[in-house]
Amino acid sequence: MTEKKHAIVTGAASGLGRAIAVELGRRGWHVAICDLNDQASAQTLGRVQEAGGSGQVEHLDVTHSDQWAALAERLRTAWPALDLLVNNAGVGVGGEVGKLPLEDWQWIVNINLWGAVYGCHTLVPWMKANARGGHIVNIASLAAIASAPGMAPYNITKAAMVSLSETLYGELKPFHIGVTAVCPAFFPTSIIDSGRFHTNEQRALATQLMSQSRMTADEVAGRVVRAVERNELYVFAPAASKTFWRFKRLLPKAFLNMVARRGAQAAPK
């Protein structure tokens, strides 16, 4: 009988985090559903169980290293090993450099970047002790590649997630721990609801872009879990997004000029 695998998913009360937790449940995983919203996390747990998996709700503020340490201590006494860490918790900020309050910069960096750093710092030593290896998934964004105007705080934190993933790839390969950086384009989630935008027009534009997407959180989640199984370093969703990545690598200035033009065309008049 195959031993049950164990995963930690942050930001799992809704959106992509919930979808990933449910997808893992379909494969029989046990999932620690980590979020600030315990009630919504309990709903995620119910869906994980309906899908055939098991799990537990863990209250976690990813911006506090002491909460990460307490989580690790609790789970290490109950779990045989940690097989997967999904750093998914994230928020959005829209606005131009010099106009956005510094408080908004600090807020998004604390959640999107420091949350993942704390998670990796705390849990990598435990994962290294897993004889069968493990995997880390860092949810970035196509924004890390596109660097669109008016999204600097979000762009920067997601680009950092890609760089963190690439660095971990080299550091953890000797321990048979895989790493995946996920770079999806816009798709509908609740990130707009909690996001901070300098103008109502910027919020409306972000909402419009999400609503126009044909991609769903469930589709992205399926792609993420397959990437874990195949030990893929990058996930671009939809597949056409990989073209943008290649375009930027080959002709970076031409790519950024295109992004700037499109940004100017989409900007509220």
Protein backbone atom coordinates (compact mmCIF):
# COMPACT_ATOMS: atom_id res chain seq x y z
CA MET A 1 0.00 0.00 0.00
CA THR A 2 1.38 3.41 -0.99
CA GLU A 3 2.08 5.67 1.97
CA LYS A 4 -0.12 8.77 2.07
CA LYS A 5 1.66 11.97 1.11
CA HIS A 6 1.38 15.21 3.07
CA ALA A 7 1.19 18.77 1.77
CA ILE A 8 0.99 22.31 3.13
CA VAL A 9 -0.94 24.81 0.99
CA THR A 10 -1.06 28.47 2.02
CA GLY A 11 -3.88 30.77 1.02
CA ALA A 12 -6.01 27.64 0.68
CA ALA A 13 -9.30 29.10 1.88
CA SER A 14 -10.25 30.21 -1.64
CA GLY A 15 -9.13 30.65 -5.23
CA LEU A 16 -6.13 28.82 -6.59
CA GLY A 17 -5.05 27.61 -3.14
CA ARG A 18 -8.39 25.90 -2.63
CA ALA A 19 -8.27 24.43 -6.14
CA ILE A 20 -4.78 23.00 -5.56
CA ALA A 21 -5.84 21.49 -2.23
CA VAL A 22 -8.84 19.81 -3.87
CA GLU A 23 -6.71 18.54 -6.76
CA LEU A 24 -4.31 16.99 -4.26
CA GLY A 25 -7.31 15.48 -2.49
CA ARG A 26 -8.29 13.75 -5.74
CA ARG A 27 -4.92 12.05 -5.63
CA GLY A 28 -5.38 10.92 -2.04
CA TRP A 29 -3.12 13.45 -0.34
CA HIS A 30 -3.45 14.75 3.22
CA VAL A 31 -3.47 18.56 3.07
CA ALA A 32 -2.84 21.20 5.72
CA ILE A 33 -5.16 24.00 4.62
CA CYS A 34 -3.44 27.16 5.82
CA ASP A 35 -5.12 30.57 5.81
CA LEU A 36 -6.41 33.37 8.03
CA ASN A 37 -10.05 32.57 7.23
CA ASP A 38 -10.75 29.41 9.24
CA GLN A 39 -14.39 29.24 8.18
CA ALA A 40 -13.54 29.29 4.48
CA SER A 41 -10.67 26.86 5.13
CA ALA A 42 -13.18 24.45 6.64
CA GLN A 43 -15.16 24.65 3.40
CA THR A 44 -11.99 23.80 1.48
CA LEU A 45 -11.43 20.84 3.80
CA GLY A 46 -14.91 19.57 3.02
CA ARG A 47 -14.16 19.69 -0.71
CA VAL A 48 -10.83 17.92 -0.20
CA GLN A 49 -12.61 15.14 1.66
CA GLU A 50 -15.33 14.92 -1.00
CA ALA A 51 -12.57 14.53 -3.60
CA GLY A 52 -11.15 11.53 -1.76
CA GLY A 53 -8.37 13.12 0.30
CA SER A 54 -7.97 14.11 3.91
CA GLY A 55 -6.72 17.21 5.65
CA GLN A 56 -6.80 19.67 8.49
CA VAL A 57 -7.37 23.37 8.94
CA GLU A 58 -4.38 25.35 10.20
CA HIS A 59 -4.70 29.04 11.05
CA LEU A 60 -1.64 30.78 9.62
CA ASP A 61 -0.57 34.35 9.00
CA VAL A 62 2.27 33.85 6.54
CA THR A 63 3.84 37.20 7.50
CA HIS A 64 4.77 35.96 10.99
CA SER A 65 7.80 33.68 11.24
CA ASP A 66 6.76 32.53 14.71
CA GLN A 67 3.48 31.17 13.32
CA TRP A 68 5.42 29.25 10.68
CA ALA A 69 7.64 27.79 13.42
CA ALA A 70 4.61 26.78 15.49
CA LEU A 71 3.00 25.16 12.44
CA ALA A 72 6.14 23.16 11.72
CA GLU A 73 6.35 22.01 15.33
CA ARG A 74 2.72 20.85 15.34
CA LEU A 75 2.96 18.99 12.07
CA ARG A 76 6.31 17.34 12.74
CA THR A 77 4.81 15.63 15.80
CA ALA A 78 1.84 14.33 13.79
CA TRP A 79 3.11 13.71 10.26
CA PRO A 80 5.65 11.14 9.09
CA ALA A 81 7.13 13.61 6.57
CA LEU A 82 6.47 16.73 4.52
CA ASP A 83 6.22 15.96 0.81
CA LEU A 84 4.99 19.25 -0.64
CA LEU A 85 4.95 22.94 0.27
CA VAL A 86 2.78 25.23 -1.86
CA ASN A 87 3.51 28.92 -1.27
CA ASN A 88 0.30 30.31 -2.73
CA ALA A 89 -0.84 33.05 -0.33
CA GLY A 90 -0.73 36.36 -2.16
CA VAL A 91 -2.37 39.74 -2.67
CA GLY A 92 -2.44 42.36 -5.41
CA VAL A 93 -1.51 46.03 -5.52
CA GLY A 94 -2.01 48.32 -8.50
CA GLY A 95 -0.62 51.81 -9.01
CA GLU A 96 2.37 53.75 -10.24
CA VAL A 97 5.74 54.16 -8.55
CA GLY A 98 5.80 57.46 -6.67
CA LYS A 99 2.03 57.53 -6.27
CA LEU A 100 1.38 54.37 -4.30
CA PRO A 101 1.75 54.72 -0.51
CA LEU A 102 4.80 52.95 0.89
CA GLU A 103 2.46 51.13 3.25
CA ASP A 104 1.01 49.29 0.25
CA TRP A 105 4.49 48.29 -0.88
CA GLN A 106 5.27 46.93 2.58
CA TRP A 107 1.96 45.09 2.75
CA ILE A 108 2.40 43.17 -0.50
CA VAL A 109 6.09 42.41 0.04
CA ASN A 110 5.34 41.02 3.51
CA ILE A 111 2.68 38.66 2.17
CA ASN A 112 3.81 37.73 -1.33
CA LEU A 113 7.55 37.50 -0.71
CA TRP A 114 8.31 37.24 2.99
CA GLY A 115 5.49 34.73 3.40
CA ALA A 116 7.25 32.38 0.97
CA VAL A 117 10.69 33.09 2.43
CA TYR A 118 9.46 32.25 5.94
CA GLY A 119 7.84 29.08 4.66
CA CYS A 120 10.95 27.85 2.87
CA HIS A 121 13.29 28.86 5.70
CA THR A 122 11.17 27.01 8.24
CA LEU A 123 10.26 23.89 6.31
CA VAL A 124 13.19 23.12 3.99
CA PRO A 125 15.24 21.46 6.78
CA TRP A 126 12.32 19.13 7.56
CA MET A 127 11.81 18.35 3.88
CA LYS A 128 15.50 17.52 3.48
CA ALA A 129 15.04 14.79 6.09
CA ASN A 130 12.40 13.11 3.93
CA ALA A 131 14.03 10.01 2.44
CA ARG A 132 11.74 10.08 -0.59
CA GLY A 133 12.45 13.75 -1.30
CA GLY A 134 9.76 16.35 -1.78
CA HIS A 135 8.65 19.37 -3.75
CA ILE A 136 8.15 23.12 -3.35
CA VAL A 137 5.70 25.10 -5.47
CA ASN A 138 5.95 28.88 -5.55
CA ILE A 139 3.00 30.66 -7.15
CA ALA A 140 4.38 33.53 -9.20
CA SER A 141 2.60 35.12 -12.17
CA LEU A 142 3.05 36.06 -15.80
CA ALA A 143 3.42 39.54 -14.27
CA ALA A 144 6.92 38.45 -13.28
CA ILE A 145 7.74 38.24 -16.98
CA ALA A 146 5.63 41.05 -18.42
CA SER A 147 6.53 43.80 -15.90
CA ALA A 148 3.44 45.76 -16.97
CA PRO A 149 3.26 49.47 -16.06
CA GLY A 150 1.15 50.32 -13.03
CA MET A 151 1.84 47.00 -11.31
CA ALA A 152 5.34 47.42 -9.90
CA PRO A 153 4.74 46.03 -6.39
CA TYR A 154 3.00 42.94 -7.73
CA ASN A 155 5.51 42.49 -10.57
CA ILE A 156 8.47 42.70 -8.21
CA THR A 157 7.16 40.20 -5.67
CA LYS A 158 6.26 37.69 -8.38
CA ALA A 159 9.61 38.08 -10.14
CA ALA A 160 11.23 37.39 -6.77
CA MET A 161 9.22 34.18 -6.50
CA VAL A 162 10.63 33.01 -9.83
CA SER A 163 14.18 33.84 -8.72
CA LEU A 164 13.63 32.12 -5.37
CA SER A 165 12.43 29.02 -7.19
CA GLU A 166 15.42 28.97 -9.52
CA THR A 167 17.82 29.35 -6.61
CA LEU A 168 16.12 26.59 -4.62
CA TYR A 169 16.28 24.34 -7.67
CA GLY A 170 20.06 24.27 -7.45
CA GLU A 171 20.24 24.13 -3.66
CA LEU A 172 17.72 21.33 -3.21
CA LYS A 173 18.49 19.10 -6.19
CA PRO A 174 21.04 17.02 -4.19
CA PHE A 175 18.25 16.23 -1.72
CA HIS A 176 15.81 15.08 -4.44
CA ILE A 177 13.53 18.02 -3.73
CA GLY A 178 11.95 19.47 -6.84
CA VAL A 179 10.86 23.07 -7.31
CA THR A 180 8.19 24.60 -9.53
CA ALA A 181 7.57 28.28 -10.30
CA VAL A 182 4.01 28.83 -11.52
CA CYS A 183 3.41 31.79 -13.85
CA PRO A 184 -0.27 31.99 -14.78
CA ALA A 185 -1.87 34.81 -16.75
CA PHE A 186 -5.06 36.47 -15.49
CA PHE A 187 -7.82 34.13 -14.35
CA PRO A 188 -10.77 34.72 -11.98
CA THR A 189 -9.90 34.59 -8.27
CA SER A 190 -10.73 36.65 -5.18
CA ILE A 191 -7.40 38.51 -5.30
CA ILE A 192 -9.15 41.64 -6.60
CA ASP A 193 -11.44 41.72 -3.57
CA SER A 194 -8.54 41.98 -1.14
CA GLY A 195 -6.27 43.99 -3.45
CA ARG A 196 -5.26 47.60 -3.07
CA PHE A 197 -5.49 49.91 -6.07
CA HIS A 198 -4.50 53.55 -6.40
CA THR A 199 -7.60 54.34 -8.49
CA ASN A 200 -11.00 52.76 -9.06
CA GLU A 201 -10.20 52.64 -12.77
CA GLN A 202 -7.21 50.37 -12.12
CA ARG A 203 -9.37 48.04 -10.05
CA ALA A 204 -11.98 47.99 -12.83
CA LEU A 205 -9.33 47.17 -15.44
CA ALA A 206 -7.95 44.28 -13.38
CA THR A 207 -11.47 42.95 -12.84
CA GLN A 208 -12.16 43.16 -16.57
CA LEU A 209 -8.99 41.27 -17.49
CA MET A 210 -9.84 38.50 -15.05
CA SER A 211 -13.43 38.21 -16.22
CA GLN A 212 -12.31 37.90 -19.86
CA SER A 213 -10.04 34.94 -19.14
CA ARG A 214 -11.18 31.52 -20.31
CA MET A 215 -8.88 29.83 -17.80
CA THR A 216 -10.15 28.68 -14.40
CA ALA A 217 -8.46 28.08 -11.06
CA ASP A 218 -9.25 24.37 -11.38
CA GLU A 219 -7.41 24.20 -14.70
CA VAL A 220 -4.36 25.95 -13.27
CA ALA A 221 -4.43 23.67 -10.22
CA GLY A 222 -4.45 20.59 -12.42
CA ARG A 223 -1.45 21.93 -14.32
CA VAL A 224 0.37 22.65 -11.04
CA VAL A 225 -0.12 19.18 -9.62
CA ARG A 226 0.96 17.56 -12.90
CA ALA A 227 4.10 19.70 -12.78
CA VAL A 228 4.86 18.36 -9.30
CA GLU A 229 4.42 14.80 -10.54
CA ARG A 230 6.67 15.48 -13.55
CA ASN A 231 9.18 17.57 -11.60
CA GLU A 232 8.85 20.57 -13.92
CA LEU A 233 10.62 23.81 -13.02
CA TYR A 234 8.24 26.19 -14.80
CA VAL A 235 4.50 26.26 -15.38
CA PHE A 236 3.06 28.77 -17.84
CA ALA A 237 -0.72 28.85 -18.09
CA PRO A 238 -2.29 29.01 -20.54
CA ALA A 239 0.36 27.35 -22.70
CA ALA A 240 0.49 30.40 -24.98
CA SER A 241 2.02 32.37 -22.10
CA LYS A 242 5.26 30.51 -22.70
CA THR A 243 5.55 32.41 -25.97
CA PHE A 244 5.79 35.69 -24.04
CA TRP A 245 8.54 34.22 -21.87
CA ARG A 246 10.54 33.17 -24.92
CA PHE A 247 9.91 36.51 -26.63
CA LYS A 248 11.28 38.42 -23.66
CA ARG A 249 14.36 36.18 -23.40
CA LEU A 250 15.21 36.71 -27.06
CA LEU A 251 14.22 40.38 -27.52
CA PRO A 252 13.72 41.95 -24.09
CA LYS A 253 13.48 45.60 -25.17
CA ALA A 254 11.09 44.84 -28.02
CA PHE A 255 8.96 42.82 -25.62
CA LEU A 256 8.81 45.63 -23.04
CA ASN A 257 7.96 48.16 -25.75
CA MET A 258 5.02 45.95 -26.73
CA VAL A 259 3.89 45.70 -23.11
CA ALA A 260 4.15 49.47 -22.70
CA ARG A 261 2.03 50.07 -25.81
CA ARG A 262 -0.63 47.66 -24.68
CA GLY A 263 -0.61 49.20 -21.22
CA ALA A 264 -1.12 52.66 -22.68
CA GLN A 265 -4.00 51.43 -24.82
CA ALA A 266 -5.71 49.74 -21.86
CA ALA A 267 -5.13 52.56 -19.38
CA PRO A 268 -8.23 54.56 -18.37
CA LYS A 269 -8.47 57.83 -20.29
